[in-house]
Amino acid sequence: MDNSKRIEQMQQLLTTAFNPSQLEVIDDSHKHVGHAGARDGKGHFTVIIQSEALTGKRMVQQHRAIYQALGEMMETDIHALAIKVL
């Protein structure tokens, strides 16, 4: 799967899970060419999200919720994920 399709799928999953007021998924894969995950065809991404569903949770809880929302993609399509919760 190419990264533009991955981004669309990630946006859809995160929107369904969190109904965010702001969401941006950025492809950082070009910065990691040659790294282990990149060689395996997985992508490097940054998620910037603002959602009432994440407000008041500790950072580890926010990250776990995002990982859970992305589900199987964390195993099959995403090598690295940077998360910024606004």
Protein backbone atom coordinates (compact mmCIF):
# COMPACT_ATOMS: atom_id res chain seq x y z
CA MET A 1 0.00 0.00 0.00
CA ASP A 2 1.39 3.42 -0.84
CA ASN A 3 1.67 6.05 1.85
CA SER A 4 -1.10 8.28 0.50
CA LYS A 5 -3.54 5.39 0.94
CA ARG A 6 -2.10 4.70 4.39
CA ILE A 7 -2.65 8.32 5.36
CA GLU A 8 -6.27 8.19 4.15
CA GLN A 9 -6.87 5.00 6.14
CA MET A 10 -5.21 6.45 9.25
CA GLN A 11 -7.31 9.61 8.98
CA GLN A 12 -10.48 7.56 8.62
CA LEU A 13 -9.68 5.36 11.63
CA LEU A 14 -8.72 8.31 13.84
CA THR A 15 -11.76 10.33 12.78
CA THR A 16 -14.06 7.42 13.58
CA ALA A 17 -12.44 6.86 16.98
CA PHE A 18 -12.00 10.44 18.16
CA ASN A 19 -14.14 12.82 16.06
CA PRO A 20 -11.23 15.30 16.17
CA SER A 21 -11.61 19.05 15.76
CA GLN A 22 -8.14 18.99 14.18
CA LEU A 23 -6.29 16.12 12.53
CA GLU A 24 -3.20 16.01 10.41
CA VAL A 25 -1.26 12.92 9.37
CA ILE A 26 2.17 13.67 7.93
CA ASP A 27 4.31 11.23 5.95
CA ASP A 28 7.86 11.38 7.34
CA SER A 29 9.06 8.29 5.48
CA HIS A 30 11.38 10.27 3.19
CA LYS A 31 13.45 11.18 6.28
CA HIS A 32 14.04 7.51 7.08
CA VAL A 33 15.01 5.94 3.76
CA GLY A 34 17.29 2.97 4.43
CA HIS A 35 16.16 2.46 8.03
CA ALA A 36 14.88 -0.97 9.01
CA GLY A 37 11.17 -0.14 8.87
CA ALA A 38 11.52 1.66 5.57
CA ARG A 39 13.24 -1.35 4.02
CA ASP A 40 10.28 -3.48 5.12
CA GLY A 41 7.90 -1.15 3.27
CA LYS A 42 6.36 0.34 6.39
CA GLY A 43 5.98 4.08 6.85
CA HIS A 44 7.07 6.74 9.32
CA PHE A 45 4.29 9.17 10.24
CA THR A 46 3.41 12.05 12.53
CA VAL A 47 -0.13 12.47 13.85
CA ILE A 48 -1.26 15.86 15.11
CA ILE A 49 -4.68 15.61 16.71
CA GLN A 50 -7.05 17.63 18.85
CA SER A 51 -10.07 15.85 20.28
CA GLU A 52 -12.22 16.14 23.37
CA ALA A 53 -12.00 12.34 23.60
CA LEU A 54 -8.29 12.69 24.45
CA THR A 55 -8.55 15.74 26.72
CA GLY A 56 -7.70 15.08 30.36
CA LYS A 57 -5.93 11.80 29.68
CA ARG A 58 -2.27 11.24 30.50
CA MET A 59 0.06 11.13 27.52
CA VAL A 60 0.50 7.35 27.77
CA GLN A 61 -3.29 6.91 27.75
CA GLN A 62 -3.60 9.18 24.71
CA HIS A 63 -0.93 7.26 22.83
CA ARG A 64 -2.42 3.88 23.71
CA ALA A 65 -5.85 5.05 22.52
CA ILE A 66 -4.35 6.19 19.21
CA TYR A 67 -2.45 2.93 18.77
CA GLN A 68 -5.64 1.01 19.50
CA ALA A 69 -7.62 3.09 16.99
CA LEU A 70 -5.02 2.40 14.31
CA GLY A 71 -5.22 -1.29 15.17
CA GLU A 72 -3.60 -3.67 12.74
CA MET A 73 -1.97 -0.82 10.82
CA MET A 74 0.49 -0.51 13.72
CA GLU A 75 1.71 -4.01 12.82
CA THR A 76 1.41 -4.01 9.04
CA ASP A 77 1.89 -0.45 7.76
CA ILE A 78 3.43 1.79 10.41
CA HIS A 79 7.05 1.44 11.49
CA ALA A 80 7.22 4.67 13.51
CA LEU A 81 4.57 7.07 14.75
CA ALA A 82 5.17 10.44 16.36
CA ILE A 83 2.10 11.79 18.16
CA LYS A 84 1.26 15.35 19.13
CA VAL A 85 -2.01 15.84 21.00
CA LEU A 86 -3.15 19.46 21.08
